[in-house]
Amino acid sequence: MMDVLQGVGYGIVGFALIVVIGTVVISKLGDSVAECATGFEYSATSQLCVNATNATDTASATGTGYTNSGYLTTQLGSSGLAGWIPAVIAVAIGALFLSYFMGRRR
């Protein structure tokens, strides 16, 4: 039983790592293709376009690639694919307990 639980644990950790790495890569790709209006420069730390002369003047970045990367990041984040991790853990542990107790009867 512990071997099965260990395998499930490795699978969940691997799944979480893939989601985290995917989120970082997609957000960095989106930052690299962000488009700003004339006189503005993109700031990756705030993910906004900042005026070159007045740092308090900001605007949202535009561009199809930037918008799509933001959408994909939210789909991989806690509201999307990564939100299934707790459900997968609960189902896996429940299935292990059920299989353990059902196997003891035989």
C-alpha atoms as a PDB file:
ATOM      1  CA  MET A   1       0.000   0.000   0.000  1.00  0.00           C
ATOM      2  CA  MET A   2       2.829   2.393   0.770  1.00  0.00           C
ATOM      3  CA  ASP A   3       4.302   1.783  -2.680  1.00  0.00           C
ATOM      4  CA  VAL A   4       1.046   2.840  -4.295  1.00  0.00           C
ATOM      5  CA  LEU A   5       0.796   5.885  -2.033  1.00  0.00           C
ATOM      6  CA  GLN A   6       4.371   6.827  -2.857  1.00  0.00           C
ATOM      7  CA  GLY A   7       3.635   6.547  -6.586  1.00  0.00           C
ATOM      8  CA  VAL A   8       0.554   8.745  -6.231  1.00  0.00           C
ATOM      9  CA  GLY A   9       2.623  11.274  -4.277  1.00  0.00           C
ATOM     10  CA  TYR A  10       5.289  11.394  -6.978  1.00  0.00           C
ATOM     11  CA  GLY A  11       2.606  11.850  -9.620  1.00  0.00           C
ATOM     12  CA  ILE A  12       1.002  14.761  -7.766  1.00  0.00           C
ATOM     13  CA  VAL A  13       4.363  16.452  -7.159  1.00  0.00           C
ATOM     14  CA  GLY A  14       5.287  15.990 -10.820  1.00  0.00           C
ATOM     15  CA  PHE A  15       1.935  17.426 -11.909  1.00  0.00           C
ATOM     16  CA  ALA A  16       2.376  20.457  -9.631  1.00  0.00           C
ATOM     17  CA  LEU A  17       5.915  21.067 -10.932  1.00  0.00           C
ATOM     18  CA  ILE A  18       4.744  20.946 -14.540  1.00  0.00           C
ATOM     19  CA  VAL A  19       1.986  23.462 -13.781  1.00  0.00           C
ATOM     20  CA  VAL A  20       4.400  25.826 -11.988  1.00  0.00           C
ATOM     21  CA  ILE A  21       7.064  25.635 -14.697  1.00  0.00           C
ATOM     22  CA  GLY A  22       4.419  26.093 -17.396  1.00  0.00           C
ATOM     23  CA  THR A  23       3.013  29.150 -15.641  1.00  0.00           C
ATOM     24  CA  VAL A  24       6.450  30.765 -15.304  1.00  0.00           C
ATOM     25  CA  VAL A  25       7.419  30.061 -18.910  1.00  0.00           C
ATOM     26  CA  ILE A  26       4.134  31.317 -20.336  1.00  0.00           C
ATOM     27  CA  SER A  27       4.196  34.497 -18.246  1.00  0.00           C
ATOM     28  CA  LYS A  28       7.796  35.249 -19.287  1.00  0.00           C
ATOM     29  CA  LEU A  29       6.884  34.689 -22.938  1.00  0.00           C
ATOM     30  CA  GLY A  30       3.964  37.074 -22.510  1.00  0.00           C
ATOM     31  CA  ASP A  31       6.248  39.677 -20.952  1.00  0.00           C
ATOM     32  CA  SER A  32       8.607  39.459 -23.912  1.00  0.00           C
ATOM     33  CA  VAL A  33       5.864  40.189 -26.482  1.00  0.00           C
ATOM     34  CA  ALA A  34       3.962  42.887 -24.563  1.00  0.00           C
ATOM     35  CA  GLU A  35       3.268  45.995 -26.612  1.00  0.00           C
ATOM     36  CA  CYS A  36       3.100  49.502 -25.143  1.00  0.00           C
ATOM     37  CA  ALA A  37       2.008  52.840 -26.550  1.00  0.00           C
ATOM     38  CA  THR A  38       4.547  55.382 -27.773  1.00  0.00           C
ATOM     39  CA  GLY A  39       6.509  56.878 -24.876  1.00  0.00           C
ATOM     40  CA  PHE A  40       5.855  53.918 -22.601  1.00  0.00           C
ATOM     41  CA  GLU A  41       8.154  51.029 -21.658  1.00  0.00           C
ATOM     42  CA  TYR A  42       7.054  47.650 -20.352  1.00  0.00           C
ATOM     43  CA  SER A  43       7.956  46.839 -16.734  1.00  0.00           C
ATOM     44  CA  ALA A  44       8.050  43.096 -16.078  1.00  0.00           C
ATOM     45  CA  THR A  45       7.908  43.560 -12.296  1.00  0.00           C
ATOM     46  CA  SER A  46       4.596  45.429 -12.333  1.00  0.00           C
ATOM     47  CA  GLN A  47       3.422  43.975 -15.686  1.00  0.00           C
ATOM     48  CA  LEU A  48       2.366  47.463 -16.767  1.00  0.00           C
ATOM     49  CA  CYS A  49       3.551  49.970 -19.340  1.00  0.00           C
ATOM     50  CA  VAL A  50       5.322  52.799 -17.524  1.00  0.00           C
ATOM     51  CA  ASN A  51       5.823  56.294 -18.944  1.00  0.00           C
ATOM     52  CA  ALA A  52       9.531  56.896 -19.580  1.00  0.00           C
ATOM     53  CA  THR A  53       9.396  60.472 -18.239  1.00  0.00           C
ATOM     54  CA  ASN A  54       6.775  60.136 -15.482  1.00  0.00           C
ATOM     55  CA  ALA A  55       7.088  56.849 -13.570  1.00  0.00           C
ATOM     56  CA  THR A  56       3.675  57.220 -11.900  1.00  0.00           C
ATOM     57  CA  ASP A  57       1.883  57.260 -15.269  1.00  0.00           C
ATOM     58  CA  THR A  58       1.054  53.647 -16.161  1.00  0.00           C
ATOM     59  CA  ALA A  59      -1.065  51.871 -18.749  1.00  0.00           C
ATOM     60  CA  SER A  60      -2.023  48.290 -19.501  1.00  0.00           C
ATOM     61  CA  ALA A  61       0.069  46.329 -21.959  1.00  0.00           C
ATOM     62  CA  THR A  62      -1.576  45.205 -25.183  1.00  0.00           C
ATOM     63  CA  GLY A  63      -0.944  42.716 -27.944  1.00  0.00           C
ATOM     64  CA  THR A  64      -2.436  39.394 -28.887  1.00  0.00           C
ATOM     65  CA  GLY A  65       0.477  37.362 -27.522  1.00  0.00           C
ATOM     66  CA  TYR A  66       0.450  39.187 -24.197  1.00  0.00           C
ATOM     67  CA  THR A  67      -3.319  38.815 -23.802  1.00  0.00           C
ATOM     68  CA  ASN A  68      -3.263  35.118 -24.703  1.00  0.00           C
ATOM     69  CA  SER A  69      -0.390  34.393 -22.323  1.00  0.00           C
ATOM     70  CA  GLY A  70      -2.334  36.061 -19.511  1.00  0.00           C
ATOM     71  CA  TYR A  71      -5.343  33.898 -20.306  1.00  0.00           C
ATOM     72  CA  LEU A  72      -3.250  30.705 -20.379  1.00  0.00           C
ATOM     73  CA  THR A  73      -1.578  31.638 -17.107  1.00  0.00           C
ATOM     74  CA  THR A  74      -4.952  31.969 -15.388  1.00  0.00           C
ATOM     75  CA  GLN A  75      -6.083  28.650 -16.903  1.00  0.00           C
ATOM     76  CA  LEU A  76      -3.007  26.919 -15.444  1.00  0.00           C
ATOM     77  CA  GLY A  77      -3.285  28.767 -12.125  1.00  0.00           C
ATOM     78  CA  SER A  78      -5.477  28.092  -9.116  1.00  0.00           C
ATOM     79  CA  SER A  79      -8.688  28.803 -11.028  1.00  0.00           C
ATOM     80  CA  GLY A  80      -7.851  26.288 -13.752  1.00  0.00           C
ATOM     81  CA  LEU A  81      -5.761  23.151 -14.021  1.00  0.00           C
ATOM     82  CA  ALA A  82      -3.899  23.568 -10.722  1.00  0.00           C
ATOM     83  CA  GLY A  83      -7.228  23.822  -8.911  1.00  0.00           C
ATOM     84  CA  TRP A  84      -7.747  20.118  -9.576  1.00  0.00           C
ATOM     85  CA  ILE A  85      -4.722  19.078  -7.460  1.00  0.00           C
ATOM     86  CA  PRO A  86      -6.641  18.965  -4.119  1.00  0.00           C
ATOM     87  CA  ALA A  87      -9.436  16.955  -5.748  1.00  0.00           C
ATOM     88  CA  VAL A  88      -6.931  14.493  -7.228  1.00  0.00           C
ATOM     89  CA  ILE A  89      -5.287  14.075  -3.814  1.00  0.00           C
ATOM     90  CA  ALA A  90      -8.626  13.462  -2.078  1.00  0.00           C
ATOM     91  CA  VAL A  91      -9.799  10.935  -4.673  1.00  0.00           C
ATOM     92  CA  ALA A  92      -6.466   9.081  -4.659  1.00  0.00           C
ATOM     93  CA  ILE A  93      -6.355   8.786  -0.873  1.00  0.00           C
ATOM     94  CA  GLY A  94     -10.017   7.742  -0.761  1.00  0.00           C
ATOM     95  CA  ALA A  95      -9.426   5.072  -3.382  1.00  0.00           C
ATOM     96  CA  LEU A  96      -6.410   3.744  -1.473  1.00  0.00           C
ATOM     97  CA  PHE A  97      -8.397   3.427   1.760  1.00  0.00           C
ATOM     98  CA  LEU A  98     -11.314   1.775   0.001  1.00  0.00           C
ATOM     99  CA  SER A  99      -9.058  -0.702  -1.784  1.00  0.00           C
ATOM    100  CA  TYR A 100      -7.230  -1.486   1.471  1.00  0.00           C
ATOM    101  CA  PHE A 101     -10.419  -2.243   3.402  1.00  0.00           C
ATOM    102  CA  MET A 102     -12.055  -4.095   0.521  1.00  0.00           C
ATOM    103  CA  GLY A 103      -8.941  -6.233   0.126  1.00  0.00           C
ATOM    104  CA  ARG A 104      -8.938  -7.163   3.823  1.00  0.00           C
ATOM    105  CA  ARG A 105     -12.364  -8.764   3.585  1.00  0.00           C
ATOM    106  CA  ARG A 106     -11.171 -11.318   1.031  1.00  0.00           C
END
